[in-house]
C-alpha cells in the first residue's frame, strides 16, 4: 500500500512538471515580437512606412497654396478625432487637435500633410493623413504701372505667372520688353523682387517669369523717355527722337529717322553722350551695310552733319557751279568732268586747269591734259580734287571766259565761290 502511494506521488510530480513545461513552451511560442517605434523626426507619405518619411515635400511649379479664408478638410484614417474641417483664419492659421494653432497659409496641401503626419508619429506608427480644399477664397493680385494697357485687381488662376497677369491686363504697351521695368511685391513678406521682363518673355519657364501668390502687387512701368529714346538730328530725312533700337545699332536708328540725305557727311557723324563727342564713320554702313562697332545708349544724340566739301566747275562743262565731293568715295578730275557731261567736241580738255588755294591764301593753277589721260587710259595721272578746288575747262573755239580774268576781277577764289552761290 505504501509502495502504491509513493508511486502515485511520483507520477503526480512528473505530471506537474510536464504540464509546467508545456505551458512554458506555449507561452514562449505565443509571445509577440516588439514593434520598433521610429523617432518623431521621421515622416512618411500616407500608407508608407514611417521610416521613409521625407523631411520636406517637393513643391511643383504652380502647385496650389492654401490661402486665408480657404475651407480645408484634414482626414486621418487612424483616428476620427484627428479628422477636421476648418476655415483658415485671417492670420493664416487653423486649430488642430493637440497641436493648437498651426500656420497653414502659403503651404501646399502636401506640405501641410507632412507637417501633420510628423506630429502624429507620436500617436501612430503609420499616420495616414490627407488634406483637401473644400472651398477656395477668391484669389487676386493687383497690377499697376504705366507699362500695361489696363490696371487693377485681377482674379488669378492656379499656376499664374508674371506673363499671365500682364496678358490678362491686355499686355504691354509695346512688344519691346527692354523698354519696361517691373517689380513684384509679395503680400506675405513685403519683399520687393525685381522682374527681368526680357528674360521672362524670352522663355516662359524662365525663373524670371515668377509664380504669383495671392495678393501680390505687380508694378510694370514704361521707361522714361530719356532712357528709351535717342535723338537723331542733322542731315536725315526725319530728324527727331526715335525709340532706341532693340539691338542699339545706329543703322536701325537711322532707318527710323528716314535715312540720311544725299548731302550728309557720313564720315564725320557724331554721337553726343554725357558731354562727350564720339566721331563715327557711317560710310560703310550706308554703302554696304557694315555696322560700326559703336552702339547707341539711351539718351544719346546722333548728329549727321552736312557735307560742305565742294569743288567748282566753270567753262565748257554741261553743269557749272558748286558740286559736292562725295563722302563715300574720292572725287578725281576725270570723274568730275564725266559727271558734268562735258561736251568734248567744244571743250579743250587738254588744257583743263585746276586752281587750288594754298594754306597761305595764295592760289596755284595746274594744267592737266585730260585728253591724253583718256587716250592712254593712264589714270595714274588723274588728279584727286580737294574741297574748294576750281576746275576750268576752256572752249575749243573762241575765248568765252578766262578763268584768271575772273579771279583778277573778283580778287579771290572766295569771290568766285560767291559767283556760283548767288
Protein backbone atom coordinates (compact mmCIF):
# COMPACT_ATOMS: atom_id res chain seq x y z
CA UNK A 1 0.00 0.00 0.00
CA UNK A 2 2.80 2.35 0.93
CA UNK A 3 4.56 1.48 -2.28
CA UNK A 4 1.41 2.29 -4.29
CA UNK A 5 1.01 5.74 -2.66
CA UNK A 6 4.65 6.56 -3.28
CA UNK A 7 4.24 5.60 -6.90
CA UNK A 8 1.22 7.91 -7.24
CA UNK A 9 3.11 10.87 -5.72
CA UNK A 10 5.98 10.38 -8.13
CA UNK A 11 3.58 10.24 -11.06
CA UNK A 12 1.86 13.42 -9.89
CA UNK A 13 5.14 15.29 -9.63
CA UNK A 14 6.15 14.12 -13.08
CA UNK A 15 2.76 15.16 -14.47
CA UNK A 16 3.00 18.61 -12.93
CA UNK A 17 6.49 19.02 -14.38
CA UNK A 18 5.33 18.00 -17.82
CA UNK A 19 2.37 20.37 -17.65
CA UNK A 20 4.56 23.26 -16.49
CA UNK A 21 6.96 22.62 -19.35
CA UNK A 22 4.13 22.54 -21.83
CA UNK A 23 2.73 25.86 -20.56
CA UNK A 24 6.17 27.47 -20.67
CA UNK A 25 6.70 26.33 -24.22
CA UNK A 26 3.27 27.55 -25.22
CA UNK A 27 3.94 30.95 -23.68
CA UNK A 28 7.27 31.16 -25.48
CA UNK A 29 5.65 30.38 -28.82
CA UNK A 30 2.78 32.86 -28.41
CA UNK A 31 4.89 35.75 -27.06
CA UNK A 32 4.50 38.76 -29.55
CA UNK A 33 7.53 40.42 -31.13
CA UNK A 34 8.28 44.03 -30.15
CA UNK A 35 7.45 46.54 -32.91
CA UNK A 36 10.12 49.30 -33.15
CA UNK A 37 8.69 52.84 -32.97
CA UNK A 38 10.50 55.28 -35.26
CA UNK A 39 11.72 58.64 -33.91
CA UNK A 40 9.34 61.61 -34.14
CA UNK A 41 11.57 63.39 -36.70
CA UNK A 42 10.96 60.73 -39.36
CA UNK A 43 8.00 61.09 -41.67
CA UNK A 44 6.13 59.21 -44.38
CA UNK A 45 3.70 59.63 -47.16
CA UNK A 46 0.25 58.32 -46.13
CA UNK A 47 0.19 54.50 -46.15
CA UNK A 48 4.02 54.34 -46.40
CA UNK A 49 6.33 53.03 -43.63
CA UNK A 50 7.15 55.77 -41.14
CA UNK A 51 10.90 55.45 -41.52
CA UNK A 52 10.67 56.51 -45.21
CA UNK A 53 9.07 59.92 -44.46
CA UNK A 54 10.83 62.82 -46.18
CA UNK A 55 11.84 65.99 -44.38
CA UNK A 56 10.18 68.29 -46.90
CA UNK A 57 7.62 67.94 -49.66
CA UNK A 58 8.86 68.75 -53.14
CA UNK A 59 6.75 71.59 -54.50
CA UNK A 60 5.84 71.56 -58.18
CA UNK A 61 5.74 74.88 -60.06
CA UNK A 62 2.26 76.37 -59.88
CA UNK A 63 1.09 73.93 -57.17
CA UNK A 64 -1.87 75.30 -55.21
CA UNK A 65 -1.08 77.01 -51.93
CA UNK A 66 -3.58 77.39 -49.14
CA UNK A 67 -4.94 80.92 -48.72
CA UNK A 68 -6.59 82.79 -45.89
CA UNK A 69 -10.33 82.08 -45.66
CA UNK A 70 -9.96 78.80 -47.59
CA UNK A 71 -12.05 75.95 -46.16
CA UNK A 72 -9.94 72.81 -45.85
CA UNK A 73 -10.57 69.26 -44.67
CA UNK A 74 -7.98 67.08 -42.94
CA UNK A 75 -8.74 63.35 -42.85
CA UNK A 76 -6.95 60.90 -40.53
CA UNK A 77 -7.69 57.21 -41.23
CA UNK A 78 -6.09 56.18 -37.94
CA UNK A 79 -8.44 58.03 -35.59
CA UNK A 80 -11.50 60.10 -36.42
CA UNK A 81 -10.74 62.65 -33.70
CA UNK A 82 -7.90 63.93 -35.90
CA UNK A 83 -10.21 64.45 -38.89
CA UNK A 84 -11.45 68.04 -39.04
CA UNK A 85 -12.83 70.71 -41.34
CA UNK A 86 -11.54 74.24 -40.74
CA UNK A 87 -11.53 77.70 -42.27
CA UNK A 88 -8.15 79.40 -42.44
CA UNK A 89 -8.18 82.44 -40.17
CA UNK A 90 -7.05 85.91 -41.28
CA UNK A 91 -3.73 85.28 -39.53
CA UNK A 92 -3.18 82.23 -41.76
CA UNK A 93 -3.71 79.56 -39.07
CA UNK A 94 -6.14 76.80 -38.11
CA UNK A 95 -6.65 74.92 -34.85
CA UNK A 96 -5.74 71.22 -34.91
CA UNK A 97 -6.26 68.66 -32.14
CA UNK A 98 -3.34 68.50 -29.69
CA UNK A 99 -1.28 70.79 -31.97
CA UNK A 100 -3.13 74.00 -31.26
CA UNK A 101 -2.84 76.84 -33.78
CA UNK A 102 -0.71 75.91 -36.79
CA UNK A 103 0.27 78.11 -39.74
CA UNK A 104 -1.15 76.78 -42.99
CA UNK A 105 -1.50 79.80 -45.32
CA UNK A 106 1.10 79.66 -48.07
CA UNK A 107 1.65 75.91 -47.73
CA UNK A 108 0.77 73.38 -50.40
CA UNK A 109 -1.57 70.53 -49.49
CA UNK A 110 1.34 68.08 -49.45
CA UNK A 111 3.38 70.36 -47.19
CA UNK A 112 0.53 70.51 -44.67
CA UNK A 113 0.06 66.72 -44.86
CA UNK A 114 3.73 66.32 -43.99
CA UNK A 115 3.52 68.69 -41.01
CA UNK A 116 0.56 66.83 -39.50
CA UNK A 117 1.99 63.40 -40.30
CA UNK A 118 5.17 64.25 -38.43
CA UNK A 119 3.18 65.33 -35.39
CA UNK A 120 1.01 62.18 -35.38
CA UNK A 121 4.05 59.92 -35.40
CA UNK A 122 3.82 60.34 -31.62
CA UNK A 123 0.43 58.64 -31.74
CA UNK A 124 0.60 56.17 -34.62
CA UNK A 125 3.23 54.05 -36.29
CA UNK A 126 1.91 54.87 -39.74
CA UNK A 127 -0.22 58.04 -39.73
CA UNK A 128 -2.46 58.19 -42.78
CA UNK A 129 -3.32 61.83 -43.48
CA UNK A 130 -4.86 63.57 -46.46
CA UNK A 131 -5.64 67.27 -46.92
CA UNK A 132 -8.12 68.74 -49.39
CA UNK A 133 -9.55 72.17 -50.15
CA UNK A 134 -13.32 72.26 -49.74
CA UNK A 135 -13.83 75.87 -50.78
CA UNK A 136 -11.34 78.38 -52.11
CA UNK A 137 -11.15 82.03 -51.31
CA UNK A 138 -11.27 84.27 -54.39
CA UNK A 139 -7.57 84.86 -55.00
CA UNK A 140 -6.48 88.13 -56.52
CA UNK A 141 -3.37 90.00 -57.50
CA UNK A 142 -3.05 93.72 -58.21
CA UNK A 143 -1.42 95.09 -61.35
CA UNK A 144 -0.42 98.71 -61.77
CA UNK A 145 2.03 100.97 -63.61
CA UNK A 146 2.37 102.93 -66.84
CA UNK A 147 3.58 99.98 -68.92
CA UNK A 148 0.37 97.91 -69.18
CA UNK A 149 -2.84 98.55 -71.05
CA UNK A 150 -5.09 98.17 -68.01
CA UNK A 151 -4.51 98.16 -64.26
CA UNK A 152 -6.37 97.00 -61.15
CA UNK A 153 -7.13 93.78 -59.30
CA UNK A 154 -7.36 90.55 -61.24
CA UNK A 155 -8.69 87.15 -60.22
CA UNK A 156 -5.74 84.80 -60.51
CA UNK A 157 -5.77 81.19 -61.65
CA UNK A 158 -3.68 78.28 -60.47
CA UNK A 159 -0.08 78.47 -61.62
CA UNK A 160 -0.30 82.09 -62.73
CA UNK A 161 3.00 83.74 -63.53
CA UNK A 162 4.05 87.32 -64.28
CA UNK A 163 3.35 86.96 -68.00
CA UNK A 164 -0.13 85.57 -67.35
CA UNK A 165 -1.08 88.60 -65.27
CA UNK A 166 0.25 91.04 -67.87
CA UNK A 167 -1.55 89.19 -70.65
CA UNK A 168 -4.80 89.25 -68.67
CA UNK A 169 -4.38 93.03 -68.39
CA UNK A 170 -4.17 93.41 -72.17
CA UNK A 171 -0.39 93.14 -72.45
CA UNK A 172 2.45 95.64 -72.51
CA UNK A 173 2.13 98.92 -74.38
CA UNK A 174 4.86 97.72 -76.75
CA UNK A 175 6.49 94.43 -77.70
CA UNK A 176 9.80 96.00 -76.71
CA UNK A 177 10.16 94.36 -73.30
CA UNK A 178 13.52 96.06 -72.84
CA UNK A 179 11.70 99.40 -72.56
CA UNK A 180 9.88 98.43 -69.37
CA UNK A 181 10.80 97.90 -65.75
CA UNK A 182 8.89 95.65 -63.38
CA UNK A 183 8.90 94.60 -59.75
CA UNK A 184 6.82 92.24 -57.64
CA UNK A 185 5.85 92.96 -54.02
CA UNK A 186 4.90 89.86 -52.03
CA UNK A 187 1.92 90.31 -49.73
CA UNK A 188 3.18 87.84 -47.13
CA UNK A 189 6.69 89.18 -46.64
CA UNK A 190 6.52 92.62 -48.32
CA UNK A 191 9.63 91.53 -50.20
CA UNK A 192 10.33 93.58 -53.34
CA UNK A 193 11.56 91.39 -56.20
CA UNK A 194 12.87 92.97 -59.46
CA UNK A 195 11.42 91.28 -62.55
CA UNK A 196 13.52 90.89 -65.71
CA UNK A 197 10.83 91.15 -68.40
CA UNK A 198 13.29 90.48 -71.23
CA UNK A 199 14.19 87.12 -69.69
CA UNK A 200 10.59 86.38 -68.72
CA UNK A 201 9.36 86.91 -72.27
CA UNK A 202 12.29 85.04 -73.80
CA UNK A 203 11.39 81.80 -72.01
CA UNK A 204 8.02 81.10 -70.39
CA UNK A 205 9.71 78.66 -67.99
CA UNK A 206 12.37 81.18 -67.01
CA UNK A 207 12.88 81.84 -63.31
CA UNK A 208 12.31 85.50 -64.16
CA UNK A 209 8.69 84.62 -65.03
CA UNK A 210 7.85 84.42 -61.34
CA UNK A 211 4.95 82.37 -59.99
CA UNK A 212 2.42 84.69 -58.40
CA UNK A 213 0.89 84.37 -54.95
CA UNK A 214 -2.44 85.72 -53.70
CA UNK A 215 -2.49 89.46 -53.06
CA UNK A 216 0.84 90.06 -54.81
CA UNK A 217 1.34 93.52 -56.28
CA UNK A 218 2.94 93.62 -59.75
CA UNK A 219 4.19 97.02 -60.93
CA UNK A 220 5.12 97.46 -64.61
CA UNK A 221 6.35 100.87 -65.74
CA UNK A 222 7.44 102.20 -69.11
CA UNK A 223 10.98 103.53 -69.06
CA UNK A 224 11.45 107.28 -69.00
CA UNK A 225 11.86 108.87 -72.43
CA UNK A 226 15.46 109.73 -71.65
CA UNK A 227 16.08 106.04 -71.06
CA UNK A 228 14.22 104.74 -74.09
CA UNK A 229 14.97 107.23 -76.86
CA UNK A 230 17.80 108.72 -78.87
CA UNK A 231 17.78 112.00 -80.79
CA UNK A 232 18.77 111.82 -84.46
CA UNK A 233 19.49 115.24 -85.97
CA UNK A 234 21.24 116.87 -88.91
CA UNK A 235 21.12 115.63 -92.48
CA UNK A 236 18.45 112.96 -92.11
CA UNK A 237 15.01 112.81 -93.70
CA UNK A 238 13.02 112.85 -90.44
CA UNK A 239 15.10 114.35 -87.62
CA UNK A 240 13.80 113.91 -84.09
CA UNK A 241 13.51 111.44 -81.23
CA UNK A 242 13.31 107.75 -82.08
CA UNK A 243 12.87 104.70 -79.86
CA UNK A 244 16.27 103.22 -79.18
CA UNK A 245 16.65 100.06 -81.30
CA UNK A 246 16.42 96.74 -79.50
CA UNK A 247 19.94 95.89 -80.68
CA UNK A 248 21.04 99.53 -80.17
CA UNK A 249 22.51 99.72 -83.66
CA UNK A 250 22.99 103.01 -85.48
CA UNK A 251 21.52 101.54 -88.67
CA UNK A 252 18.12 100.98 -87.02
CA UNK A 253 18.14 104.49 -85.56
CA UNK A 254 18.96 105.97 -88.99
CA UNK A 255 16.21 103.88 -90.55
CA UNK A 256 13.70 105.20 -88.01
CA UNK A 257 14.80 108.73 -88.93
CA UNK A 258 14.15 108.10 -92.62
CA UNK A 259 17.79 107.60 -93.58
CA UNK A 260 20.50 110.16 -94.44
CA UNK A 261 20.03 112.90 -97.01
CA UNK A 262 22.19 112.93 -100.16
CA UNK A 263 24.18 115.83 -98.75
CA UNK A 264 25.08 114.09 -95.49
CA UNK A 265 28.71 113.86 -94.44
CA UNK A 266 28.62 110.30 -93.19
CA UNK A 267 32.34 110.09 -92.50
CA UNK A 268 32.05 112.52 -89.61
CA UNK A 269 28.84 111.57 -87.81
CA UNK A 270 28.92 112.32 -84.10
CA UNK A 271 27.40 110.62 -81.06
CA UNK A 272 26.97 113.07 -78.20
CA UNK A 273 26.90 111.26 -74.86
CA UNK A 274 27.15 112.83 -71.42
CA UNK A 275 29.12 115.80 -72.76
CA UNK A 276 31.46 113.60 -74.82
CA UNK A 277 31.58 113.66 -78.63
CA UNK A 278 32.34 110.39 -80.39
CA UNK A 279 33.09 110.51 -84.14
CA UNK A 280 31.63 107.63 -86.13
CA UNK A 281 32.25 106.84 -89.81
CA UNK A 282 28.95 105.69 -91.33
CA UNK A 283 30.07 105.38 -94.94
CA UNK A 284 30.44 101.60 -94.87
CA UNK A 285 27.12 101.32 -93.06
CA UNK A 286 25.22 103.15 -95.80
CA UNK A 287 27.11 101.70 -98.77
CA UNK A 288 27.44 98.01 -97.84
CA UNK A 289 25.61 97.67 -94.52
CA UNK A 290 28.66 97.16 -92.32
CA UNK A 291 27.62 98.19 -88.81
CA UNK A 292 30.13 100.31 -86.88
CA UNK A 293 31.41 98.98 -83.57
CA UNK A 294 29.82 101.82 -81.64
CA UNK A 295 26.41 101.10 -80.09
CA UNK A 296 23.83 103.63 -79.01
CA UNK A 297 22.79 104.20 -75.42
CA UNK A 298 19.57 105.70 -74.07
CA UNK A 299 19.74 109.49 -74.15
CA UNK A 300 22.36 109.63 -76.93
CA UNK A 301 22.24 112.25 -79.66
CA UNK A 302 23.29 111.14 -83.15
CA UNK A 303 24.29 114.07 -85.35
CA UNK A 304 24.75 113.57 -89.09
CA UNK A 305 26.48 116.75 -90.34
CA UNK A 306 26.04 118.39 -93.71
CA UNK A 307 28.64 117.73 -96.35
CA UNK A 308 30.09 121.16 -97.12
CA UNK A 309 33.06 119.90 -99.12
CA UNK A 310 32.57 121.20 -102.67
CA UNK A 311 34.54 121.89 -105.82
CA UNK A 312 33.59 124.34 -108.59
CA UNK A 313 33.19 123.76 -112.33
CA UNK A 314 33.39 126.57 -114.90
CA UNK A 315 33.94 126.86 -118.65
CA UNK A 316 32.96 124.33 -121.27
CA UNK A 317 31.07 121.99 -118.94
CA UNK A 318 27.46 120.89 -119.02
CA UNK A 319 26.79 121.79 -115.40
CA UNK A 320 28.62 124.75 -113.87
CA UNK A 321 28.83 125.79 -110.26
CA UNK A 322 29.49 124.17 -106.90
CA UNK A 323 29.38 120.37 -106.72
CA UNK A 324 29.62 118.19 -103.62
CA UNK A 325 32.62 115.94 -103.19
CA UNK A 326 31.02 112.58 -102.39
CA UNK A 327 31.61 111.48 -98.83
CA UNK A 328 31.79 107.80 -99.67
CA UNK A 329 34.48 107.93 -102.36
CA UNK A 330 37.26 110.25 -103.61
CA UNK A 331 36.49 112.64 -106.47
CA UNK A 332 39.04 112.92 -109.27
CA UNK A 333 39.27 115.38 -112.14
CA UNK A 334 38.32 112.83 -114.81
CA UNK A 335 35.31 111.64 -112.77
CA UNK A 336 34.24 115.25 -112.16
CA UNK A 337 34.28 116.07 -115.88
CA UNK A 338 32.45 112.84 -116.65
CA UNK A 339 29.74 113.65 -114.10
CA UNK A 340 29.47 117.20 -115.52
CA UNK A 341 28.66 115.97 -119.04
CA UNK A 342 31.50 117.93 -120.67
CA UNK A 343 30.85 118.31 -124.44
CA UNK A 344 34.19 117.02 -125.75
CA UNK A 345 33.60 118.49 -129.23
CA UNK A 346 33.65 122.01 -127.73
CA UNK A 347 35.92 121.54 -124.71
CA UNK A 348 39.70 121.98 -124.80
CA UNK A 349 40.23 119.23 -122.21
CA UNK A 350 43.98 119.06 -122.90
CA UNK A 351 44.23 122.47 -121.23
CA UNK A 352 42.00 121.79 -118.22
CA UNK A 353 43.08 123.89 -115.25
CA UNK A 354 42.77 123.27 -111.50
CA UNK A 355 43.08 126.32 -109.27
CA UNK A 356 43.81 125.43 -105.66
CA UNK A 357 44.05 127.75 -102.69
CA UNK A 358 47.18 127.31 -100.62
CA UNK A 359 47.41 127.48 -96.85
CA UNK A 360 48.91 130.98 -97.05
CA UNK A 361 45.97 132.27 -99.07
CA UNK A 362 47.73 132.25 -102.46
CA UNK A 363 46.44 130.30 -105.45
CA UNK A 364 48.16 127.78 -107.68
CA UNK A 365 46.92 126.91 -111.17
CA UNK A 366 47.80 123.47 -112.57
CA UNK A 367 47.18 122.43 -116.20
CA UNK A 368 46.13 118.81 -116.68
CA UNK A 369 45.91 117.13 -120.10
CA UNK A 370 42.68 115.20 -119.57
CA UNK A 371 42.53 114.37 -123.27
CA UNK A 372 45.83 112.47 -123.07
CA UNK A 373 44.82 110.68 -119.85
CA UNK A 374 41.69 109.37 -121.55
CA UNK A 375 43.59 108.47 -124.74
CA UNK A 376 46.28 106.49 -122.90
CA UNK A 377 43.89 105.23 -120.21
CA UNK A 378 46.64 106.19 -117.78
CA UNK A 379 44.63 107.16 -114.74
CA UNK A 380 47.70 107.38 -112.56
CA UNK A 381 47.98 110.96 -113.89
CA UNK A 382 44.44 111.77 -112.82
CA UNK A 383 44.23 114.36 -110.03
CA UNK A 384 42.25 113.93 -106.80
CA UNK A 385 40.17 117.03 -106.14
CA UNK A 386 40.16 118.79 -102.79
CA UNK A 387 37.45 120.90 -101.16
CA UNK A 388 37.49 124.39 -102.69
CA UNK A 389 39.21 123.41 -105.96
CA UNK A 390 38.10 125.27 -109.11
CA UNK A 391 38.10 123.29 -112.35
CA UNK A 392 38.14 125.33 -115.56
CA UNK A 393 37.70 123.71 -118.99
CA UNK A 394 38.44 126.11 -121.90
CA UNK A 395 36.34 126.20 -125.07
CA UNK A 396 37.95 125.00 -128.30
CA UNK A 397 36.63 127.87 -130.42
CA UNK A 398 36.94 131.40 -129.16
CA UNK A 399 37.56 132.69 -125.74
CA UNK A 400 34.26 132.94 -123.85
CA UNK A 401 35.55 133.07 -120.30
CA UNK A 402 39.04 133.40 -118.92
CA UNK A 403 39.43 131.85 -115.53
CA UNK A 404 42.25 134.11 -114.39
CA UNK A 405 40.30 137.10 -115.72
CA UNK A 406 37.50 136.13 -113.39
CA UNK A 407 39.88 135.69 -110.49
CA UNK A 408 41.54 139.04 -111.07
CA UNK A 409 38.19 140.74 -111.37
CA UNK A 410 36.74 139.26 -108.22
CA UNK A 411 40.03 139.33 -106.37
CA UNK A 412 39.99 135.86 -104.84
CA UNK A 413 38.65 132.35 -105.06
CA UNK A 414 36.21 133.27 -102.32
CA UNK A 415 34.75 135.81 -104.71
CA UNK A 416 34.43 133.16 -107.40
CA UNK A 417 32.57 130.94 -104.95
CA UNK A 418 30.19 133.82 -104.37
CA UNK A 419 29.61 133.98 -108.11
CA UNK A 420 28.23 130.46 -108.17
CA UNK A 421 26.17 130.69 -104.97
CA UNK A 422 24.20 133.83 -105.93
